[in-house]
């Protein structure tokens, strides 16, 4: 009968002290991958957005998070005023400005 089923032997109680460290290696590796693939790029984008919002000035052409395209006519501490059409101005929060567009984009969009 021992030909088909092997005997079960008890393991020693001492164990291998490096076994615990080796079992943590995949978790540490996954965390390092998450940091370099997800967390770090997101922090870089947030920093770029903060710098862009801090450097807004009159005459910049921007797109808001809601998709409104316009030219900035006034810049305040918390709000910017945008001209979205001739004679139509809206006020939006500074952090709602999503992207700066190249000069001339508003003219192209209106024609």
PDB file of N, CA and C in Angstrom:
ATOM      1  N   UNK A   1       0.808  -1.189   0.000  1.00  0.00           N
ATOM      2  CA  UNK A   1       0.000   0.000   0.000  1.00  0.00           C
ATOM      3  C   UNK A   1       0.855   1.259   0.000  1.00  0.00           C
ATOM      4  N   UNK A   2       2.063   1.205   0.528  1.00  0.00           N
ATOM      5  CA  UNK A   2       2.932   2.366   0.579  1.00  0.00           C
ATOM      6  C   UNK A   2       3.507   2.705  -0.799  1.00  0.00           C
ATOM      7  N   UNK A   3       3.220   1.896  -1.803  1.00  0.00           N
ATOM      8  CA  UNK A   3       3.688   2.197  -3.135  1.00  0.00           C
ATOM      9  C   UNK A   3       2.900   3.357  -3.751  1.00  0.00           C
ATOM     10  N   UNK A   4       1.608   3.456  -3.457  1.00  0.00           N
ATOM     11  CA  UNK A   4       0.765   4.485  -4.046  1.00  0.00           C
ATOM     12  C   UNK A   4       0.687   5.750  -3.195  1.00  0.00           C
ATOM     13  N   UNK A   5       0.714   5.597  -1.892  1.00  0.00           N
ATOM     14  CA  UNK A   5       0.573   6.738  -0.989  1.00  0.00           C
ATOM     15  C   UNK A   5       1.833   6.856  -0.162  1.00  0.00           C
ATOM     16  N   UNK A   6       2.423   8.049  -0.152  1.00  0.00           N
ATOM     17  CA  UNK A   6       3.634   8.240   0.617  1.00  0.00           C
ATOM     18  C   UNK A   6       3.297   8.483   2.081  1.00  0.00           C
ATOM     19  N   UNK A   7       4.221   8.167   2.927  1.00  0.00           N
ATOM     20  CA  UNK A   7       4.030   8.381   4.359  1.00  0.00           C
ATOM     21  C   UNK A   7       4.120   9.870   4.661  1.00  0.00           C
ATOM     22  N   UNK A   8       3.315  10.314   5.624  1.00  0.00           N
ATOM     23  CA  UNK A   8       3.346  11.707   6.061  1.00  0.00           C
ATOM     24  C   UNK A   8       4.278  11.825   7.242  1.00  0.00           C
ATOM     25  N   UNK A   9       5.266  12.683   7.143  1.00  0.00           N
ATOM     26  CA  UNK A   9       6.221  12.896   8.219  1.00  0.00           C
ATOM     27  C   UNK A   9       5.992  14.292   8.802  1.00  0.00           C
ATOM     28  N   UNK A  10       6.112  14.405  10.069  1.00  0.00           N
ATOM     29  CA  UNK A  10       5.940  15.697  10.742  1.00  0.00           C
ATOM     30  C   UNK A  10       7.143  16.586  10.455  1.00  0.00           C
ATOM     31  N   UNK A  11       6.888  17.899  10.323  1.00  0.00           N
ATOM     32  CA  UNK A  11       7.972  18.836  10.100  1.00  0.00           C
ATOM     33  C   UNK A  11       8.583  19.229  11.430  1.00  0.00           C
ATOM     34  N   UNK A  12       9.827  19.668  11.382  1.00  0.00           N
ATOM     35  CA  UNK A  12      10.486  20.075  12.617  1.00  0.00           C
ATOM     36  C   UNK A  12       9.888  21.382  13.120  1.00  0.00           C
ATOM     37  N   UNK A  13       9.890  21.591  14.424  1.00  0.00           N
ATOM     38  CA  UNK A  13       9.280  22.770  15.034  1.00  0.00           C
ATOM     39  C   UNK A  13      10.126  24.018  14.833  1.00  0.00           C
ATOM     40  N   UNK A  14      11.416  23.885  14.583  1.00  0.00           N
ATOM     41  CA  UNK A  14      12.313  25.035  14.446  1.00  0.00           C
ATOM     42  C   UNK A  14      11.963  25.912  13.259  1.00  0.00           C
ATOM     43  N   UNK A  15      11.763  25.414  12.118  1.00  0.00           N
ATOM     44  CA  UNK A  15      11.436  26.164  10.918  1.00  0.00           C
ATOM     45  C   UNK A  15      12.609  26.962  10.396  1.00  0.00           C
ATOM     46  N   UNK A  16      12.421  27.616   9.291  1.00  0.00           N
ATOM     47  CA  UNK A  16      13.452  28.426   8.651  1.00  0.00           C
ATOM     48  C   UNK A  16      13.192  29.895   8.980  1.00  0.00           C
ATOM     49  N   UNK A  17      14.127  30.592   9.635  1.00  0.00           N
ATOM     50  CA  UNK A  17      13.881  31.988  10.002  1.00  0.00           C
ATOM     51  C   UNK A  17      13.754  32.919   8.800  1.00  0.00           C
ATOM     52  N   UNK A  18      14.343  32.603   7.679  1.00  0.00           N
ATOM     53  CA  UNK A  18      14.237  33.463   6.497  1.00  0.00           C
ATOM     54  C   UNK A  18      12.933  33.229   5.744  1.00  0.00           C
ATOM     55  N   UNK A  19      12.153  32.252   6.115  1.00  0.00           N
ATOM     56  CA  UNK A  19      10.888  31.970   5.440  1.00  0.00           C
ATOM     57  C   UNK A  19       9.892  33.101   5.593  1.00  0.00           C
ATOM     58  N   UNK A  20       9.876  33.768   6.746  1.00  0.00           N
ATOM     59  CA  UNK A  20       8.961  34.884   6.966  1.00  0.00           C
ATOM     60  C   UNK A  20       9.302  36.079   6.098  1.00  0.00           C
ATOM     61  N   UNK A  21      10.583  36.362   5.963  1.00  0.00           N
ATOM     62  CA  UNK A  21      11.010  37.474   5.114  1.00  0.00           C
ATOM     63  C   UNK A  21      10.735  37.202   3.648  1.00  0.00           C
ATOM     64  N   UNK A  22      10.925  35.974   3.249  1.00  0.00           N
ATOM     65  CA  UNK A  22      10.689  35.606   1.859  1.00  0.00           C
ATOM     66  C   UNK A  22       9.211  35.693   1.506  1.00  0.00           C
ATOM     67  N   UNK A  23       8.345  35.444   2.474  1.00  0.00           N
ATOM     68  CA  UNK A  23       6.914  35.516   2.185  1.00  0.00           C
ATOM     69  C   UNK A  23       6.438  36.958   2.066  1.00  0.00           C
ATOM     70  N   UNK A  24       7.179  37.934   2.590  1.00  0.00           N
ATOM     71  CA  UNK A  24       6.822  39.347   2.462  1.00  0.00           C
ATOM     72  C   UNK A  24       7.309  39.962   1.156  1.00  0.00           C
ATOM     73  N   UNK A  25       8.238  39.318   0.499  1.00  0.00           N
ATOM     74  CA  UNK A  25       8.826  39.858  -0.726  1.00  0.00           C
ATOM     75  C   UNK A  25       7.784  40.152  -1.813  1.00  0.00           C
ATOM     76  N   UNK A  26       6.820  39.268  -2.090  1.00  0.00           N
ATOM     77  CA  UNK A  26       5.830  39.601  -3.132  1.00  0.00           C
ATOM     78  C   UNK A  26       4.967  40.808  -2.766  1.00  0.00           C
ATOM     79  N   UNK A  27       4.634  40.971  -1.498  1.00  0.00           N
ATOM     80  CA  UNK A  27       3.822  42.109  -1.078  1.00  0.00           C
ATOM     81  C   UNK A  27       4.611  43.402  -1.263  1.00  0.00           C
ATOM     82  N   UNK A  28       5.881  43.388  -0.872  1.00  0.00           N
ATOM     83  CA  UNK A  28       6.724  44.570  -1.042  1.00  0.00           C
ATOM     84  C   UNK A  28       6.885  44.877  -2.529  1.00  0.00           C
ATOM     85  N   UNK A  29       7.078  43.885  -3.349  1.00  0.00           N
ATOM     86  CA  UNK A  29       7.218  44.071  -4.792  1.00  0.00           C
ATOM     87  C   UNK A  29       5.960  44.699  -5.390  1.00  0.00           C
ATOM     88  N   UNK A  30       4.788  44.232  -4.974  1.00  0.00           N
ATOM     89  CA  UNK A  30       3.526  44.783  -5.470  1.00  0.00           C
ATOM     90  C   UNK A  30       3.390  46.242  -5.061  1.00  0.00           C
ATOM     91  N   UNK A  31       3.753  46.575  -3.815  1.00  0.00           N
ATOM     92  CA  UNK A  31       3.677  47.961  -3.364  1.00  0.00           C
ATOM     93  C   UNK A  31       4.611  48.852  -4.174  1.00  0.00           C
ATOM     94  N   UNK A  32       5.813  48.383  -4.441  1.00  0.00           N
ATOM     95  CA  UNK A  32       6.769  49.168  -5.230  1.00  0.00           C
ATOM     96  C   UNK A  32       6.231  49.385  -6.641  1.00  0.00           C
ATOM     97  N   UNK A  33       5.643  48.362  -7.252  1.00  0.00           N
ATOM     98  CA  UNK A  33       5.054  48.508  -8.590  1.00  0.00           C
ATOM     99  C   UNK A  33       3.898  49.514  -8.569  1.00  0.00           C
ATOM    100  N   UNK A  34       3.007  49.421  -7.578  1.00  0.00           N
ATOM    101  CA  UNK A  34       1.907  50.379  -7.459  1.00  0.00           C
ATOM    102  C   UNK A  34       2.445  51.804  -7.338  1.00  0.00           C
ATOM    103  N   UNK A  35       3.492  51.980  -6.551  1.00  0.00           N
ATOM    104  CA  UNK A  35       4.044  53.317  -6.365  1.00  0.00           C
ATOM    105  C   UNK A  35       4.539  53.886  -7.691  1.00  0.00           C
ATOM    106  N   UNK A  36       5.337  53.120  -8.428  1.00  0.00           N
ATOM    107  CA  UNK A  36       5.923  53.641  -9.654  1.00  0.00           C
ATOM    108  C   UNK A  36       4.946  53.692 -10.825  1.00  0.00           C
ATOM    109  N   UNK A  37       3.929  52.840 -10.840  1.00  0.00           N
ATOM    110  CA  UNK A  37       2.998  52.825 -11.962  1.00  0.00           C
ATOM    111  C   UNK A  37       1.739  53.655 -11.724  1.00  0.00           C
ATOM    112  N   UNK A  38       1.326  53.855 -10.462  1.00  0.00           N
ATOM    113  CA  UNK A  38       0.079  54.557 -10.187  1.00  0.00           C
ATOM    114  C   UNK A  38       0.259  55.815  -9.348  1.00  0.00           C
ATOM    115  N   UNK A  39       0.899  55.700  -8.213  1.00  0.00           N
ATOM    116  CA  UNK A  39       0.937  56.803  -7.253  1.00  0.00           C
ATOM    117  C   UNK A  39       1.842  57.929  -7.740  1.00  0.00           C
ATOM    118  N   UNK A  40       3.042  57.621  -8.149  1.00  0.00           N
ATOM    119  CA  UNK A  40       4.004  58.655  -8.553  1.00  0.00           C
ATOM    120  C   UNK A  40       3.536  59.452  -9.770  1.00  0.00           C
ATOM    121  N   UNK A  41       3.042  58.821 -10.847  1.00  0.00           N
ATOM    122  CA  UNK A  41       2.550  59.618 -11.983  1.00  0.00           C
ATOM    123  C   UNK A  41       1.366  60.521 -11.611  1.00  0.00           C
ATOM    124  N   UNK A  42       0.483  60.035 -10.727  1.00  0.00           N
ATOM    125  CA  UNK A  42      -0.657  60.847 -10.315  1.00  0.00           C
ATOM    126  C   UNK A  42      -0.189  62.072  -9.534  1.00  0.00           C
ATOM    127  N   UNK A  43       0.782  61.915  -8.651  1.00  0.00           N
ATOM    128  CA  UNK A  43       1.310  63.042  -7.901  1.00  0.00           C
ATOM    129  C   UNK A  43       1.979  64.052  -8.836  1.00  0.00           C
ATOM    130  N   UNK A  44       2.639  63.556  -9.872  1.00  0.00           N
ATOM    131  CA  UNK A  44       3.289  64.441 -10.841  1.00  0.00           C
ATOM    132  C   UNK A  44       2.242  65.263 -11.599  1.00  0.00           C
ATOM    133  N   UNK A  45       1.128  64.629 -12.010  1.00  0.00           N
ATOM    134  CA  UNK A  45       0.061  65.347 -12.704  1.00  0.00           C
ATOM    135  C   UNK A  45      -0.587  66.387 -11.794  1.00  0.00           C
ATOM    136  N   UNK A  46      -0.784  66.046 -10.511  1.00  0.00           N
ATOM    137  CA  UNK A  46      -1.364  66.995  -9.564  1.00  0.00           C
ATOM    138  C   UNK A  46      -0.457  68.210  -9.394  1.00  0.00           C
ATOM    139  N   UNK A  47       0.846  67.997  -9.325  1.00  0.00           N
ATOM    140  CA  UNK A  47       1.795  69.097  -9.171  1.00  0.00           C
ATOM    141  C   UNK A  47       1.763  70.000 -10.400  1.00  0.00           C
ATOM    142  N   UNK A  48       1.726  69.420 -11.595  1.00  0.00           N
ATOM    143  CA  UNK A  48       1.668  70.204 -12.821  1.00  0.00           C
ATOM    144  C   UNK A  48       0.383  71.030 -12.878  1.00  0.00           C
ATOM    145  N   UNK A  49      -0.744  70.437 -12.450  1.00  0.00           N
ATOM    146  CA  UNK A  49      -2.019  71.158 -12.463  1.00  0.00           C
ATOM    147  C   UNK A  49      -1.987  72.324 -11.477  1.00  0.00           C
ATOM    148  N   UNK A  50      -1.443  72.105 -10.269  1.00  0.00           N
ATOM    149  CA  UNK A  50      -1.342  73.186  -9.288  1.00  0.00           C
ATOM    150  C   UNK A  50      -0.498  74.341  -9.840  1.00  0.00           C
ATOM    151  N   UNK A  51       0.621  74.018 -10.497  1.00  0.00           N
ATOM    152  CA  UNK A  51       1.467  75.054 -11.075  1.00  0.00           C
ATOM    153  C   UNK A  51       0.745  75.801 -12.189  1.00  0.00           C
ATOM    154  N   UNK A  52       0.015  75.080 -13.034  1.00  0.00           N
ATOM    155  CA  UNK A  52      -0.714  75.704 -14.132  1.00  0.00           C
ATOM    156  C   UNK A  52      -1.788  76.647 -13.590  1.00  0.00           C
ATOM    157  N   UNK A  53      -2.526  76.219 -12.568  1.00  0.00           N
ATOM    158  CA  UNK A  53      -3.579  77.050 -11.984  1.00  0.00           C
ATOM    159  C   UNK A  53      -2.970  78.279 -11.301  1.00  0.00           C
ATOM    160  N   UNK A  54      -1.835  78.125 -10.660  1.00  0.00           N
ATOM    161  CA  UNK A  54      -1.189  79.256  -9.987  1.00  0.00           C
ATOM    162  C   UNK A  54      -0.674  80.280 -10.990  1.00  0.00           C
ATOM    163  N   UNK A  55      -0.346  79.864 -12.214  1.00  0.00           N
ATOM    164  CA  UNK A  55       0.227  80.763 -13.220  1.00  0.00           C
ATOM    165  C   UNK A  55      -0.792  81.293 -14.216  1.00  0.00           C
ATOM    166  N   UNK A  56      -2.100  81.139 -13.939  1.00  0.00           N
ATOM    167  CA  UNK A  56      -3.115  81.662 -14.854  1.00  0.00           C
ATOM    168  C   UNK A  56      -3.026  83.178 -14.910  1.00  0.00           C
ATOM    169  N   UNK A  57      -3.213  83.731 -16.120  1.00  0.00           N
ATOM    170  CA  UNK A  57      -3.190  85.182 -16.274  1.00  0.00           C
ATOM    171  C   UNK A  57      -4.199  85.601 -17.330  1.00  0.00           C
ATOM    172  N   UNK A  58      -4.482  86.883 -17.350  1.00  0.00           N
ATOM    173  CA  UNK A  58      -5.442  87.438 -18.295  1.00  0.00           C
ATOM    174  C   UNK A  58      -4.973  87.169 -19.724  1.00  0.00           C
ATOM    175  N   UNK A  59      -5.886  86.706 -20.563  1.00  0.00           N
ATOM    176  CA  UNK A  59      -5.566  86.426 -21.961  1.00  0.00           C
ATOM    177  C   UNK A  59      -5.300  84.964 -22.256  1.00  0.00           C
ATOM    178  N   UNK A  60      -5.104  84.142 -21.219  1.00  0.00           N
ATOM    179  CA  UNK A  60      -4.896  82.704 -21.445  1.00  0.00           C
ATOM    180  C   UNK A  60      -6.186  82.064 -21.956  1.00  0.00           C
ATOM    181  N   UNK A  61      -6.039  81.116 -22.857  1.00  0.00           N
ATOM    182  CA  UNK A  61      -7.185  80.360 -23.368  1.00  0.00           C
ATOM    183  C   UNK A  61      -7.191  79.004 -22.686  1.00  0.00           C
ATOM    184  N   UNK A  62      -8.327  78.672 -22.056  1.00  0.00           N
ATOM    185  CA  UNK A  62      -8.406  77.487 -21.201  1.00  0.00           C
ATOM    186  C   UNK A  62      -9.682  76.706 -21.458  1.00  0.00           C
ATOM    187  N   UNK A  63      -9.668  75.468 -20.975  1.00  0.00           N
ATOM    188  CA  UNK A  63     -10.865  74.617 -20.962  1.00  0.00           C
ATOM    189  C   UNK A  63     -11.112  74.240 -19.518  1.00  0.00           C
ATOM    190  N   UNK A  64     -12.377  74.355 -19.088  1.00  0.00           N
ATOM    191  CA  UNK A  64     -12.721  73.990 -17.717  1.00  0.00           C
ATOM    192  C   UNK A  64     -13.013  72.498 -17.635  1.00  0.00           C
ATOM    193  N   UNK A  65     -13.171  72.011 -16.409  1.00  0.00           N
ATOM    194  CA  UNK A  65     -13.486  70.595 -16.207  1.00  0.00           C
ATOM    195  C   UNK A  65     -14.852  70.254 -16.807  1.00  0.00           C
ATOM    196  N   UNK A  66     -15.729  71.244 -16.909  1.00  0.00           N
ATOM    197  CA  UNK A  66     -17.040  71.019 -17.514  1.00  0.00           C
ATOM    198  C   UNK A  66     -17.034  71.083 -19.020  1.00  0.00           C
ATOM    199  N   UNK A  67     -15.908  71.480 -19.616  1.00  0.00           N
ATOM    200  CA  UNK A  67     -15.784  71.501 -21.070  1.00  0.00           C
ATOM    201  C   UNK A  67     -15.965  72.869 -21.685  1.00  0.00           C
ATOM    202  N   UNK A  68     -16.097  73.927 -20.875  1.00  0.00           N
ATOM    203  CA  UNK A  68     -16.262  75.267 -21.421  1.00  0.00           C
ATOM    204  C   UNK A  68     -14.911  75.792 -21.893  1.00  0.00           C
ATOM    205  N   UNK A  69     -14.886  76.274 -23.140  1.00  0.00           N
ATOM    206  CA  UNK A  69     -13.687  76.833 -23.739  1.00  0.00           C
ATOM    207  C   UNK A  69     -13.810  78.341 -23.735  1.00  0.00           C
ATOM    208  N   UNK A  70     -12.774  79.038 -23.271  1.00  0.00           N
ATOM    209  CA  UNK A  70     -12.850  80.493 -23.255  1.00  0.00           C
ATOM    210  C   UNK A  70     -11.514  81.138 -22.983  1.00  0.00           C
ATOM    211  N   UNK A  71     -11.556  82.475 -22.997  1.00  0.00           N
ATOM    212  CA  UNK A  71     -10.364  83.290 -22.739  1.00  0.00           C
ATOM    213  C   UNK A  71     -10.546  83.969 -21.388  1.00  0.00           C
ATOM    214  N   UNK A  72      -9.515  83.938 -20.565  1.00  0.00           N
ATOM    215  CA  UNK A  72      -9.588  84.536 -19.231  1.00  0.00           C
ATOM    216  C   UNK A  72      -9.537  86.051 -19.365  1.00  0.00           C
ATOM    217  N   UNK A  73     -10.521  86.731 -18.713  1.00  0.00           N
ATOM    218  CA  UNK A  73     -10.566  88.188 -18.740  1.00  0.00           C
ATOM    219  C   UNK A  73     -10.221  88.799 -17.385  1.00  0.00           C
ATOM    220  N   UNK A  74     -10.356  88.028 -16.305  1.00  0.00           N
ATOM    221  CA  UNK A  74     -10.040  88.534 -14.975  1.00  0.00           C
ATOM    222  C   UNK A  74      -9.622  87.361 -14.096  1.00  0.00           C
ATOM    223  N   UNK A  75      -8.605  87.580 -13.263  1.00  0.00           N
ATOM    224  CA  UNK A  75      -8.105  86.537 -12.382  1.00  0.00           C
ATOM    225  C   UNK A  75      -8.203  87.033 -10.943  1.00  0.00           C
ATOM    226  N   UNK A  76      -8.883  86.239 -10.100  1.00  0.00           N
ATOM    227  CA  UNK A  76      -8.969  86.554  -8.681  1.00  0.00           C
ATOM    228  C   UNK A  76      -8.242  85.496  -7.868  1.00  0.00           C
ATOM    229  N   UNK A  77      -8.394  85.589  -6.549  1.00  0.00           N
ATOM    230  CA  UNK A  77      -7.743  84.603  -5.678  1.00  0.00           C
ATOM    231  C   UNK A  77      -8.334  83.213  -5.849  1.00  0.00           C
ATOM    232  N   UNK A  78      -9.672  83.119  -5.892  1.00  0.00           N
ATOM    233  CA  UNK A  78     -10.336  81.815  -5.970  1.00  0.00           C
ATOM    234  C   UNK A  78     -11.089  81.592  -7.277  1.00  0.00           C
ATOM    235  N   UNK A  79     -11.382  82.670  -8.006  1.00  0.00           N
ATOM    236  CA  UNK A  79     -12.188  82.561  -9.220  1.00  0.00           C
ATOM    237  C   UNK A  79     -11.494  83.245 -10.396  1.00  0.00           C
ATOM    238  N   UNK A  80     -11.822  82.783 -11.592  1.00  0.00           N
ATOM    239  CA  UNK A  80     -11.400  83.456 -12.819  1.00  0.00           C
ATOM    240  C   UNK A  80     -12.653  83.737 -13.635  1.00  0.00           C
ATOM    241  N   UNK A  81     -12.625  84.845 -14.364  1.00  0.00           N
ATOM    242  CA  UNK A  81     -13.734  85.180 -15.254  1.00  0.00           C
ATOM    243  C   UNK A  81     -13.284  84.843 -16.667  1.00  0.00           C
ATOM    244  N   UNK A  82     -14.143  84.086 -17.368  1.00  0.00           N
ATOM    245  CA  UNK A  82     -13.827  83.645 -18.725  1.00  0.00           C
ATOM    246  C   UNK A  82     -14.845  84.204 -19.694  1.00  0.00           C
ATOM    247  N   UNK A  83     -14.365  84.638 -20.846  1.00  0.00           N
ATOM    248  CA  UNK A  83     -15.262  85.029 -21.924  1.00  0.00           C
ATOM    249  C   UNK A  83     -15.414  83.813 -22.831  1.00  0.00           C
ATOM    250  N   UNK A  84     -16.637  83.247 -22.860  1.00  0.00           N
ATOM    251  CA  UNK A  84     -16.875  82.035 -23.650  1.00  0.00           C
ATOM    252  C   UNK A  84     -17.433  82.358 -25.025  1.00  0.00           C
ATOM    253  N   UNK A  85     -18.021  83.535 -25.166  1.00  0.00           N
ATOM    254  CA  UNK A  85     -18.509  84.032 -26.453  1.00  0.00           C
ATOM    255  C   UNK A  85     -18.436  85.552 -26.382  1.00  0.00           C
ATOM    256  N   UNK A  86     -18.628  86.210 -27.497  1.00  0.00           N
ATOM    257  CA  UNK A  86     -18.526  87.671 -27.505  1.00  0.00           C
ATOM    258  C   UNK A  86     -19.599  88.261 -26.596  1.00  0.00           C
ATOM    259  N   UNK A  87     -19.149  88.924 -25.529  1.00  0.00           N
ATOM    260  CA  UNK A  87     -20.076  89.557 -24.585  1.00  0.00           C
ATOM    261  C   UNK A  87     -20.624  88.619 -23.526  1.00  0.00           C
ATOM    262  N   UNK A  88     -20.228  87.349 -23.521  1.00  0.00           N
ATOM    263  CA  UNK A  88     -20.720  86.381 -22.529  1.00  0.00           C
ATOM    264  C   UNK A  88     -19.549  85.960 -21.644  1.00  0.00           C
ATOM    265  N   UNK A  89     -19.647  86.323 -20.359  1.00  0.00           N
ATOM    266  CA  UNK A  89     -18.587  85.969 -19.418  1.00  0.00           C
ATOM    267  C   UNK A  89     -19.153  85.091 -18.311  1.00  0.00           C
ATOM    268  N   UNK A  90     -18.367  84.127 -17.895  1.00  0.00           N
ATOM    269  CA  UNK A  90     -18.756  83.267 -16.769  1.00  0.00           C
ATOM    270  C   UNK A  90     -17.623  83.267 -15.755  1.00  0.00           C
ATOM    271  N   UNK A  91     -18.003  83.027 -14.510  1.00  0.00           N
ATOM    272  CA  UNK A  91     -17.018  82.942 -13.442  1.00  0.00           C
ATOM    273  C   UNK A  91     -16.903  81.489 -13.031  1.00  0.00           C
ATOM    274  N   UNK A  92     -15.674  80.981 -12.958  1.00  0.00           N
ATOM    275  CA  UNK A  92     -15.432  79.600 -12.540  1.00  0.00           C
ATOM    276  C   UNK A  92     -14.343  79.589 -11.480  1.00  0.00           C
ATOM    277  N   UNK A  93     -14.342  78.553 -10.679  1.00  0.00           N
ATOM    278  CA  UNK A  93     -13.289  78.415  -9.679  1.00  0.00           C
ATOM    279  C   UNK A  93     -11.966  78.118 -10.385  1.00  0.00           C
ATOM    280  N   UNK A  94     -10.887  78.586  -9.778  1.00  0.00           N
ATOM    281  CA  UNK A  94      -9.564  78.400 -10.402  1.00  0.00           C
ATOM    282  C   UNK A  94      -9.241  76.937 -10.616  1.00  0.00           C
ATOM    283  N   UNK A  95      -9.524  76.096  -9.623  1.00  0.00           N
ATOM    284  CA  UNK A  95      -9.144  74.690  -9.763  1.00  0.00           C
ATOM    285  C   UNK A  95     -10.010  73.950 -10.777  1.00  0.00           C
ATOM    286  N   UNK A  96     -11.105  74.587 -11.256  1.00  0.00           N
ATOM    287  CA  UNK A  96     -11.938  73.960 -12.284  1.00  0.00           C
ATOM    288  C   UNK A  96     -11.318  74.098 -13.667  1.00  0.00           C
ATOM    289  N   UNK A  97     -10.319  74.952 -13.800  1.00  0.00           N
ATOM    290  CA  UNK A  97      -9.608  75.078 -15.076  1.00  0.00           C
ATOM    291  C   UNK A  97      -8.772  73.815 -15.248  1.00  0.00           C
ATOM    292  N   UNK A  98      -9.046  73.113 -16.324  1.00  0.00           N
ATOM    293  CA  UNK A  98      -8.419  71.811 -16.518  1.00  0.00           C
ATOM    294  C   UNK A  98      -7.183  71.882 -17.405  1.00  0.00           C
ATOM    295  N   UNK A  99      -7.275  72.624 -18.518  1.00  0.00           N
ATOM    296  CA  UNK A  99      -6.205  72.610 -19.507  1.00  0.00           C
ATOM    297  C   UNK A  99      -6.009  74.002 -20.092  1.00  0.00           C
ATOM    298  N   UNK A 100      -4.766  74.346 -20.352  1.00  0.00           N
ATOM    299  CA  UNK A 100      -4.487  75.567 -21.106  1.00  0.00           C
ATOM    300  C   UNK A 100      -4.364  75.180 -22.580  1.00  0.00           C
ATOM    301  N   UNK A 101      -4.980  75.980 -23.410  1.00  0.00           N
ATOM    302  CA  UNK A 101      -4.963  75.714 -24.842  1.00  0.00           C
ATOM    303  C   UNK A 101      -3.997  76.671 -25.542  1.00  0.00           C
ATOM    304  N   UNK A 102      -3.510  76.299 -26.733  1.00  0.00           N
ATOM    305  CA  UNK A 102      -2.637  77.212 -27.480  1.00  0.00           C
ATOM    306  C   UNK A 102      -3.408  78.463 -27.911  1.00  0.00           C
ATOM    307  N   UNK A 103      -2.687  79.567 -28.058  1.00  0.00           N
ATOM    308  CA  UNK A 103      -3.305  80.825 -28.498  1.00  0.00           C
ATOM    309  C   UNK A 103      -3.981  80.627 -29.865  1.00  0.00           C
ATOM    310  N   UNK A 104      -5.161  81.193 -30.009  1.00  0.00           N
ATOM    311  CA  UNK A 104      -5.902  81.085 -31.267  1.00  0.00           C
ATOM    312  C   UNK A 104      -6.924  79.968 -31.265  1.00  0.00           C
ATOM    313  N   UNK A 105      -6.985  79.170 -30.244  1.00  0.00           N
ATOM    314  CA  UNK A 105      -7.933  78.046 -30.200  1.00  0.00           C
ATOM    315  C   UNK A 105      -9.366  78.551 -30.120  1.00  0.00           C
ATOM    316  N   UNK A 106      -9.602  79.637 -29.395  1.00  0.00           N
ATOM    317  CA  UNK A 106     -10.964  80.156 -29.231  1.00  0.00           C
ATOM    318  C   UNK A 106     -11.478  80.662 -30.559  1.00  0.00           C
ATOM    319  N   UNK A 107     -10.638  81.357 -31.351  1.00  0.00           N
ATOM    320  CA  UNK A 107     -11.071  81.858 -32.667  1.00  0.00           C
ATOM    321  C   UNK A 107     -11.436  80.707 -33.593  1.00  0.00           C
ATOM    322  N   UNK A 108     -10.640  79.638 -33.573  1.00  0.00           N
ATOM    323  CA  UNK A 108     -10.910  78.480 -34.422  1.00  0.00           C
ATOM    324  C   UNK A 108     -12.217  77.812 -34.035  1.00  0.00           C
ATOM    325  N   UNK A 109     -12.515  77.753 -32.732  1.00  0.00           N
ATOM    326  CA  UNK A 109     -13.729  77.090 -32.269  1.00  0.00           C
ATOM    327  C   UNK A 109     -14.970  77.911 -32.579  1.00  0.00           C
ATOM    328  N   UNK A 110     -14.858  79.232 -32.647  1.00  0.00           N
ATOM    329  CA  UNK A 110     -16.012  80.086 -32.914  1.00  0.00           C
ATOM    330  C   UNK A 110     -16.361  80.135 -34.389  1.00  0.00           C
ATOM    331  N   UNK A 111     -15.430  79.835 -35.271  1.00  0.00           N
ATOM    332  CA  UNK A 111     -15.739  79.907 -36.701  1.00  0.00           C
ATOM    333  C   UNK A 111     -16.243  78.608 -37.260  1.00  0.00           C
TER     334      UNK A 111
END
